[in-house]
Amino acid sequence: MEKKPDTILFYGTRWCPDCIRARAFFDRKNISYQWIDIDNDGEGRKYVERVNHGHRSVPTIVFTDGSILVEPSTKELENKMNSL
């Protein structure tokens, strides 16, 4: 099992509409996170491909409880933040 992060890790790209929407959700709610742009971060890209079985599915968001959401809806993000 991988180590749980101390902060939310947000893997995405600047051009991805789902990433823009999810980042706006976090910003509106004042939720801090670490942004990892997989277009510019090779290790981040490899991580996303590994956890998504070879796919570059973004956003891939790793929460402080160790859980991961991939391409979550705003409702899924809201539910997740309420459960932390």
PDB file of N, CA and C in Angstrom:
ATOM      1  N   MET A   1       0.836  -1.183   0.000  1.00  0.00           N
ATOM      2  CA  MET A   1       0.000   0.000   0.000  1.00  0.00           C
ATOM      3  C   MET A   1       0.882   1.248   0.000  1.00  0.00           C
ATOM      4  N   GLU A   2       0.466   2.238  -0.786  1.00  0.00           N
ATOM      5  CA  GLU A   2       1.237   3.463  -0.873  1.00  0.00           C
ATOM      6  C   GLU A   2       0.989   4.347   0.342  1.00  0.00           C
ATOM      7  N   LYS A   3       1.966   5.188   0.613  1.00  0.00           N
ATOM      8  CA  LYS A   3       1.852   6.136   1.723  1.00  0.00           C
ATOM      9  C   LYS A   3       0.737   7.136   1.425  1.00  0.00           C
ATOM     10  N   LYS A   4      -0.053   7.455   2.451  1.00  0.00           N
ATOM     11  CA  LYS A   4      -1.111   8.447   2.296  1.00  0.00           C
ATOM     12  C   LYS A   4      -0.471   9.828   2.232  1.00  0.00           C
ATOM     13  N   PRO A   5      -0.944  10.679   1.309  1.00  0.00           N
ATOM     14  CA  PRO A   5      -0.354  12.020   1.215  1.00  0.00           C
ATOM     15  C   PRO A   5      -0.802  12.923   2.365  1.00  0.00           C
ATOM     16  N   ASP A   6       0.032  13.905   2.684  1.00  0.00           N
ATOM     17  CA  ASP A   6      -0.301  14.884   3.722  1.00  0.00           C
ATOM     18  C   ASP A   6      -1.277  15.938   3.210  1.00  0.00           C
ATOM     19  N   THR A   7      -1.338  16.083   1.909  1.00  0.00           N
ATOM     20  CA  THR A   7      -2.253  17.021   1.275  1.00  0.00           C
ATOM     21  C   THR A   7      -2.877  16.339   0.067  1.00  0.00           C
ATOM     22  N   ILE A   8      -3.952  16.880  -0.452  1.00  0.00           N
ATOM     23  CA  ILE A   8      -4.588  16.330  -1.646  1.00  0.00           C
ATOM     24  C   ILE A   8      -3.645  16.523  -2.824  1.00  0.00           C
ATOM     25  N   LEU A   9      -3.441  15.459  -3.587  1.00  0.00           N
ATOM     26  CA  LEU A   9      -2.601  15.518  -4.776  1.00  0.00           C
ATOM     27  C   LEU A   9      -3.515  15.525  -5.995  1.00  0.00           C
ATOM     28  N   PHE A  10      -3.416  16.537  -6.801  1.00  0.00           N
ATOM     29  CA  PHE A  10      -4.294  16.730  -7.962  1.00  0.00           C
ATOM     30  C   PHE A  10      -3.447  16.593  -9.216  1.00  0.00           C
ATOM     31  N   TYR A  11      -3.599  15.476  -9.925  1.00  0.00           N
ATOM     32  CA  TYR A  11      -2.886  15.226 -11.174  1.00  0.00           C
ATOM     33  C   TYR A  11      -3.791  15.626 -12.322  1.00  0.00           C
ATOM     34  N   GLY A  12      -3.303  16.498 -13.182  1.00  0.00           N
ATOM     35  CA  GLY A  12      -4.133  16.934 -14.296  1.00  0.00           C
ATOM     36  C   GLY A  12      -3.319  17.653 -15.344  1.00  0.00           C
ATOM     37  N   THR A  13      -4.044  18.327 -16.241  1.00  0.00           N
ATOM     38  CA  THR A  13      -3.434  19.162 -17.272  1.00  0.00           C
ATOM     39  C   THR A  13      -4.171  20.496 -17.289  1.00  0.00           C
ATOM     40  N   ARG A  14      -3.488  21.517 -17.737  1.00  0.00           N
ATOM     41  CA  ARG A  14      -4.097  22.854 -17.767  1.00  0.00           C
ATOM     42  C   ARG A  14      -5.210  22.965 -18.809  1.00  0.00           C
ATOM     43  N   TRP A  15      -5.174  22.128 -19.849  1.00  0.00           N
ATOM     44  CA  TRP A  15      -6.148  22.219 -20.935  1.00  0.00           C
ATOM     45  C   TRP A  15      -7.387  21.348 -20.724  1.00  0.00           C
ATOM     46  N   CYS A  16      -7.393  20.494 -19.722  1.00  0.00           N
ATOM     47  CA  CYS A  16      -8.479  19.529 -19.493  1.00  0.00           C
ATOM     48  C   CYS A  16      -9.694  20.223 -18.846  1.00  0.00           C
ATOM     49  N   PRO A  17     -10.863  20.206 -19.512  1.00  0.00           N
ATOM     50  CA  PRO A  17     -12.051  20.850 -18.942  1.00  0.00           C
ATOM     51  C   PRO A  17     -12.457  20.274 -17.582  1.00  0.00           C
ATOM     52  N   ASP A  18     -12.335  18.968 -17.390  1.00  0.00           N
ATOM     53  CA  ASP A  18     -12.681  18.365 -16.094  1.00  0.00           C
ATOM     54  C   ASP A  18     -11.715  18.806 -15.001  1.00  0.00           C
ATOM     55  N   CYS A  19     -10.449  19.003 -15.368  1.00  0.00           N
ATOM     56  CA  CYS A  19      -9.459  19.492 -14.400  1.00  0.00           C
ATOM     57  C   CYS A  19      -9.778  20.938 -14.007  1.00  0.00           C
ATOM     58  N   ILE A  20     -10.132  21.741 -14.985  1.00  0.00           N
ATOM     59  CA  ILE A  20     -10.477  23.137 -14.715  1.00  0.00           C
ATOM     60  C   ILE A  20     -11.686  23.197 -13.782  1.00  0.00           C
ATOM     61  N   ARG A  21     -12.696  22.385 -14.045  1.00  0.00           N
ATOM     62  CA  ARG A  21     -13.905  22.351 -13.209  1.00  0.00           C
ATOM     63  C   ARG A  21     -13.580  21.901 -11.796  1.00  0.00           C
ATOM     64  N   ALA A  22     -12.789  20.838 -11.655  1.00  0.00           N
ATOM     65  CA  ALA A  22     -12.457  20.317 -10.325  1.00  0.00           C
ATOM     66  C   ALA A  22     -11.582  21.300  -9.549  1.00  0.00           C
ATOM     67  N   ARG A  23     -10.639  21.943 -10.234  1.00  0.00           N
ATOM     68  CA  ARG A  23      -9.799  22.951  -9.558  1.00  0.00           C
ATOM     69  C   ARG A  23     -10.653  24.131  -9.098  1.00  0.00           C
ATOM     70  N   ALA A  24     -11.618  24.527  -9.910  1.00  0.00           N
ATOM     71  CA  ALA A  24     -12.515  25.623  -9.525  1.00  0.00           C
ATOM     72  C   ALA A  24     -13.317  25.230  -8.283  1.00  0.00           C
ATOM     73  N   PHE A  25     -13.739  23.960  -8.203  1.00  0.00           N
ATOM     74  CA  PHE A  25     -14.462  23.481  -7.027  1.00  0.00           C
ATOM     75  C   PHE A  25     -13.586  23.631  -5.782  1.00  0.00           C
ATOM     76  N   PHE A  26     -12.345  23.139  -5.853  1.00  0.00           N
ATOM     77  CA  PHE A  26     -11.432  23.230  -4.710  1.00  0.00           C
ATOM     78  C   PHE A  26     -11.171  24.690  -4.335  1.00  0.00           C
ATOM     79  N   ASP A  27     -10.972  25.537  -5.348  1.00  0.00           N
ATOM     80  CA  ASP A  27     -10.691  26.948  -5.081  1.00  0.00           C
ATOM     81  C   ASP A  27     -11.893  27.639  -4.428  1.00  0.00           C
ATOM     82  N   ARG A  28     -13.104  27.364  -4.923  1.00  0.00           N
ATOM     83  CA  ARG A  28     -14.323  27.944  -4.334  1.00  0.00           C
ATOM     84  C   ARG A  28     -14.494  27.544  -2.877  1.00  0.00           C
ATOM     85  N   LYS A  29     -14.131  26.301  -2.559  1.00  0.00           N
ATOM     86  CA  LYS A  29     -14.299  25.768  -1.207  1.00  0.00           C
ATOM     87  C   LYS A  29     -13.075  26.028  -0.326  1.00  0.00           C
ATOM     88  N   ASN A  30     -12.066  26.723  -0.864  1.00  0.00           N
ATOM     89  CA  ASN A  30     -10.813  26.991  -0.141  1.00  0.00           C
ATOM     90  C   ASN A  30     -10.148  25.710   0.355  1.00  0.00           C
ATOM     91  N   ILE A  31     -10.145  24.698  -0.495  1.00  0.00           N
ATOM     92  CA  ILE A  31      -9.516  23.419  -0.181  1.00  0.00           C
ATOM     93  C   ILE A  31      -8.113  23.431  -0.791  1.00  0.00           C
ATOM     94  N   SER A  32      -7.097  23.244   0.047  1.00  0.00           N
ATOM     95  CA  SER A  32      -5.729  23.263  -0.480  1.00  0.00           C
ATOM     96  C   SER A  32      -5.390  21.912  -1.114  1.00  0.00           C
ATOM     97  N   TYR A  33      -4.550  21.976  -2.125  1.00  0.00           N
ATOM     98  CA  TYR A  33      -4.123  20.781  -2.845  1.00  0.00           C
ATOM     99  C   TYR A  33      -2.791  21.068  -3.520  1.00  0.00           C
ATOM    100  N   GLN A  34      -2.110  19.994  -3.871  1.00  0.00           N
ATOM    101  CA  GLN A  34      -0.862  20.132  -4.635  1.00  0.00           C
ATOM    102  C   GLN A  34      -1.178  19.805  -6.086  1.00  0.00           C
ATOM    103  N   TRP A  35      -0.929  20.739  -6.967  1.00  0.00           N
ATOM    104  CA  TRP A  35      -1.184  20.590  -8.396  1.00  0.00           C
ATOM    105  C   TRP A  35       0.018  19.919  -9.066  1.00  0.00           C
ATOM    106  N   ILE A  36      -0.230  18.849  -9.806  1.00  0.00           N
ATOM    107  CA  ILE A  36       0.819  18.181 -10.571  1.00  0.00           C
ATOM    108  C   ILE A  36       0.359  18.136 -12.024  1.00  0.00           C
ATOM    109  N   ASP A  37       1.007  18.936 -12.871  1.00  0.00           N
ATOM    110  CA  ASP A  37       0.668  19.008 -14.297  1.00  0.00           C
ATOM    111  C   ASP A  37       1.398  17.873 -15.006  1.00  0.00           C
ATOM    112  N   ILE A  38       0.652  16.853 -15.432  1.00  0.00           N
ATOM    113  CA  ILE A  38       1.301  15.672 -16.009  1.00  0.00           C
ATOM    114  C   ILE A  38       1.907  15.949 -17.384  1.00  0.00           C
ATOM    115  N   ASP A  39       1.579  17.097 -17.988  1.00  0.00           N
ATOM    116  CA  ASP A  39       2.240  17.463 -19.239  1.00  0.00           C
ATOM    117  C   ASP A  39       3.679  17.887 -18.987  1.00  0.00           C
ATOM    118  N   ASN A  40       3.974  18.337 -17.758  1.00  0.00           N
ATOM    119  CA  ASN A  40       5.307  18.835 -17.427  1.00  0.00           C
ATOM    120  C   ASN A  40       6.027  18.016 -16.360  1.00  0.00           C
ATOM    121  N   ASP A  41       5.374  17.000 -15.833  1.00  0.00           N
ATOM    122  CA  ASP A  41       5.946  16.206 -14.745  1.00  0.00           C
ATOM    123  C   ASP A  41       5.912  14.732 -15.135  1.00  0.00           C
ATOM    124  N   GLY A  42       7.062  14.230 -15.554  1.00  0.00           N
ATOM    125  CA  GLY A  42       7.144  12.844 -16.019  1.00  0.00           C
ATOM    126  C   GLY A  42       6.772  11.827 -14.957  1.00  0.00           C
ATOM    127  N   GLU A  43       7.204  12.061 -13.716  1.00  0.00           N
ATOM    128  CA  GLU A  43       6.862  11.129 -12.630  1.00  0.00           C
ATOM    129  C   GLU A  43       5.365  11.154 -12.361  1.00  0.00           C
ATOM    130  N   GLY A  44       4.776  12.335 -12.417  1.00  0.00           N
ATOM    131  CA  GLY A  44       3.334  12.448 -12.242  1.00  0.00           C
ATOM    132  C   GLY A  44       2.584  11.705 -13.337  1.00  0.00           C
ATOM    133  N   ARG A  45       3.050  11.849 -14.571  1.00  0.00           N
ATOM    134  CA  ARG A  45       2.431  11.149 -15.706  1.00  0.00           C
ATOM    135  C   ARG A  45       2.522   9.637 -15.524  1.00  0.00           C
ATOM    136  N   LYS A  46       3.681   9.154 -15.104  1.00  0.00           N
ATOM    137  CA  LYS A  46       3.849   7.707 -14.876  1.00  0.00           C
ATOM    138  C   LYS A  46       2.909   7.224 -13.771  1.00  0.00           C
ATOM    139  N   TYR A  47       2.754   8.018 -12.709  1.00  0.00           N
ATOM    140  CA  TYR A  47       1.858   7.637 -11.610  1.00  0.00           C
ATOM    141  C   TYR A  47       0.421   7.521 -12.116  1.00  0.00           C
ATOM    142  N   VAL A  48      -0.033   8.528 -12.864  1.00  0.00           N
ATOM    143  CA  VAL A  48      -1.397   8.501 -13.401  1.00  0.00           C
ATOM    144  C   VAL A  48      -1.596   7.277 -14.289  1.00  0.00           C
ATOM    145  N   GLU A  49      -0.642   6.992 -15.140  1.00  0.00           N
ATOM    146  CA  GLU A  49      -0.755   5.824 -16.022  1.00  0.00           C
ATOM    147  C   GLU A  49      -0.780   4.531 -15.211  1.00  0.00           C
ATOM    148  N   ARG A  50      -0.009   4.476 -14.145  1.00  0.00           N
ATOM    149  CA  ARG A  50       0.032   3.256 -13.327  1.00  0.00           C
ATOM    150  C   ARG A  50      -1.297   3.023 -12.620  1.00  0.00           C
ATOM    151  N   VAL A  51      -1.830   4.048 -11.961  1.00  0.00           N
ATOM    152  CA  VAL A  51      -3.065   3.845 -11.197  1.00  0.00           C
ATOM    153  C   VAL A  51      -4.290   3.724 -12.095  1.00  0.00           C
ATOM    154  N   ASN A  52      -4.161   4.155 -13.356  1.00  0.00           N
ATOM    155  CA  ASN A  52      -5.279   4.068 -14.298  1.00  0.00           C
ATOM    156  C   ASN A  52      -5.033   3.022 -15.379  1.00  0.00           C
ATOM    157  N   HIS A  53      -4.215   2.026 -15.052  1.00  0.00           N
ATOM    158  CA  HIS A  53      -3.992   0.864 -15.922  1.00  0.00           C
ATOM    159  C   HIS A  53      -3.561   1.255 -17.333  1.00  0.00           C
ATOM    160  N   GLY A  54      -2.580   2.168 -17.392  1.00  0.00           N
ATOM    161  CA  GLY A  54      -2.005   2.563 -18.668  1.00  0.00           C
ATOM    162  C   GLY A  54      -2.647   3.783 -19.309  1.00  0.00           C
ATOM    163  N   HIS A  55      -3.726   4.279 -18.733  1.00  0.00           N
ATOM    164  CA  HIS A  55      -4.416   5.433 -19.304  1.00  0.00           C
ATOM    165  C   HIS A  55      -3.998   6.722 -18.604  1.00  0.00           C
ATOM    166  N   ARG A  56      -4.008   7.807 -19.339  1.00  0.00           N
ATOM    167  CA  ARG A  56      -3.717   9.129 -18.767  1.00  0.00           C
ATOM    168  C   ARG A  56      -5.040   9.817 -18.432  1.00  0.00           C
ATOM    169  N   SER A  57      -5.794   9.236 -17.543  1.00  0.00           N
ATOM    170  CA  SER A  57      -7.098   9.764 -17.156  1.00  0.00           C
ATOM    171  C   SER A  57      -6.914  10.863 -16.125  1.00  0.00           C
ATOM    172  N   VAL A  58      -7.393  12.065 -16.474  1.00  0.00           N
ATOM    173  CA  VAL A  58      -7.297  13.198 -15.568  1.00  0.00           C
ATOM    174  C   VAL A  58      -8.643  13.906 -15.493  1.00  0.00           C
ATOM    175  N   PRO A  59      -8.935  14.511 -14.364  1.00  0.00           N
ATOM    176  CA  PRO A  59      -8.084  14.552 -13.192  1.00  0.00           C
ATOM    177  C   PRO A  59      -8.052  13.214 -12.453  1.00  0.00           C
ATOM    178  N   THR A  60      -6.897  12.920 -11.895  1.00  0.00           N
ATOM    179  CA  THR A  60      -6.728  11.840 -10.930  1.00  0.00           C
ATOM    180  C   THR A  60      -6.370  12.536  -9.623  1.00  0.00           C
ATOM    181  N   ILE A  61      -7.216  12.360  -8.618  1.00  0.00           N
ATOM    182  CA  ILE A  61      -7.057  13.092  -7.365  1.00  0.00           C
ATOM    183  C   ILE A  61      -6.866  12.101  -6.227  1.00  0.00           C
ATOM    184  N   VAL A  62      -5.766  12.252  -5.496  1.00  0.00           N
ATOM    185  CA  VAL A  62      -5.439  11.379  -4.367  1.00  0.00           C
ATOM    186  C   VAL A  62      -5.704  12.165  -3.088  1.00  0.00           C
ATOM    187  N   PHE A  63      -6.553  11.602  -2.228  1.00  0.00           N
ATOM    188  CA  PHE A  63      -6.954  12.287  -1.006  1.00  0.00           C
ATOM    189  C   PHE A  63      -6.104  11.835   0.179  1.00  0.00           C
ATOM    190  N   THR A  64      -6.170  12.586   1.257  1.00  0.00           N
ATOM    191  CA  THR A  64      -5.334  12.328   2.425  1.00  0.00           C
ATOM    192  C   THR A  64      -5.659  11.007   3.108  1.00  0.00           C
ATOM    193  N   ASP A  65      -6.815  10.414   2.810  1.00  0.00           N
ATOM    194  CA  ASP A  65      -7.128   9.092   3.358  1.00  0.00           C
ATOM    195  C   ASP A  65      -6.604   7.969   2.464  1.00  0.00           C
ATOM    196  N   GLY A  66      -5.918   8.340   1.369  1.00  0.00           N
ATOM    197  CA  GLY A  66      -5.351   7.363   0.449  1.00  0.00           C
ATOM    198  C   GLY A  66      -6.270   6.978  -0.690  1.00  0.00           C
ATOM    199  N   SER A  67      -7.518   7.426  -0.663  1.00  0.00           N
ATOM    200  CA  SER A  67      -8.456   7.096  -1.741  1.00  0.00           C
ATOM    201  C   SER A  67      -8.168   7.951  -2.969  1.00  0.00           C
ATOM    202  N   ILE A  68      -8.627   7.458  -4.120  1.00  0.00           N
ATOM    203  CA  ILE A  68      -8.386   8.126  -5.396  1.00  0.00           C
ATOM    204  C   ILE A  68      -9.713   8.254  -6.140  1.00  0.00           C
ATOM    205  N   LEU A  69      -9.953   9.438  -6.690  1.00  0.00           N
ATOM    206  CA  LEU A  69     -11.071   9.641  -7.598  1.00  0.00           C
ATOM    207  C   LEU A  69     -10.499  10.018  -8.956  1.00  0.00           C
ATOM    208  N   VAL A  70     -11.054   9.426 -10.008  1.00  0.00           N
ATOM    209  CA  VAL A  70     -10.618   9.693 -11.370  1.00  0.00           C
ATOM    210  C   VAL A  70     -11.796  10.282 -12.136  1.00  0.00           C
ATOM    211  N   GLU A  71     -11.544  11.434 -12.745  1.00  0.00           N
ATOM    212  CA  GLU A  71     -12.571  12.146 -13.503  1.00  0.00           C
ATOM    213  C   GLU A  71     -13.865  12.305 -12.691  1.00  0.00           C
ATOM    214  N   PRO A  72     -13.760  12.771 -11.434  1.00  0.00           N
ATOM    215  CA  PRO A  72     -14.959  12.855 -10.600  1.00  0.00           C
ATOM    216  C   PRO A  72     -15.876  14.009 -11.011  1.00  0.00           C
ATOM    217  N   SER A  73     -17.158  13.799 -10.789  1.00  0.00           N
ATOM    218  CA  SER A  73     -18.127  14.877 -10.980  1.00  0.00           C
ATOM    219  C   SER A  73     -18.023  15.832  -9.786  1.00  0.00           C
ATOM    220  N   THR A  74     -18.638  16.990  -9.912  1.00  0.00           N
ATOM    221  CA  THR A  74     -18.655  17.934  -8.800  1.00  0.00           C
ATOM    222  C   THR A  74     -19.355  17.310  -7.601  1.00  0.00           C
ATOM    223  N   LYS A  75     -20.426  16.572  -7.827  1.00  0.00           N
ATOM    224  CA  LYS A  75     -21.156  15.907  -6.740  1.00  0.00           C
ATOM    225  C   LYS A  75     -20.259  14.877  -6.041  1.00  0.00           C
ATOM    226  N   GLU A  76     -19.481  14.116  -6.807  1.00  0.00           N
ATOM    227  CA  GLU A  76     -18.559  13.150  -6.200  1.00  0.00           C
ATOM    228  C   GLU A  76     -17.506  13.865  -5.348  1.00  0.00           C
ATOM    229  N   LEU A  77     -17.008  14.999  -5.827  1.00  0.00           N
ATOM    230  CA  LEU A  77     -16.039  15.764  -5.047  1.00  0.00           C
ATOM    231  C   LEU A  77     -16.667  16.279  -3.758  1.00  0.00           C
ATOM    232  N   GLU A  78     -17.875  16.791  -3.866  1.00  0.00           N
ATOM    233  CA  GLU A  78     -18.589  17.292  -2.689  1.00  0.00           C
ATOM    234  C   GLU A  78     -18.781  16.178  -1.663  1.00  0.00           C
ATOM    235  N   ASN A  79     -19.231  15.015  -2.121  1.00  0.00           N
ATOM    236  CA  ASN A  79     -19.436  13.873  -1.225  1.00  0.00           C
ATOM    237  C   ASN A  79     -18.128  13.446  -0.578  1.00  0.00           C
ATOM    238  N   LYS A  80     -17.056  13.418  -1.350  1.00  0.00           N
ATOM    239  CA  LYS A  80     -15.763  13.006  -0.813  1.00  0.00           C
ATOM    240  C   LYS A  80     -15.283  13.975   0.252  1.00  0.00           C
ATOM    241  N   MET A  81     -15.375  15.258  -0.020  1.00  0.00           N
ATOM    242  CA  MET A  81     -14.897  16.246   0.947  1.00  0.00           C
ATOM    243  C   MET A  81     -15.730  16.199   2.225  1.00  0.00           C
ATOM    244  N   ASN A  82     -16.995  15.887   2.120  1.00  0.00           N
ATOM    245  CA  ASN A  82     -17.844  15.766   3.298  1.00  0.00           C
ATOM    246  C   ASN A  82     -17.509  14.531   4.131  1.00  0.00           C
ATOM    247  N   SER A  83     -16.881  13.543   3.493  1.00  0.00           N
ATOM    248  CA  SER A  83     -16.551  12.294   4.218  1.00  0.00           C
ATOM    249  C   SER A  83     -15.175  12.325   4.857  1.00  0.00           C
ATOM    250  N   LEU A  84     -14.357  13.307   4.535  1.00  0.00           N
ATOM    251  CA  LEU A  84     -12.998  13.372   5.103  1.00  0.00           C
ATOM    252  C   LEU A  84     -13.024  13.975   6.501  1.00  0.00           C
TER     253      LEU A  84
END
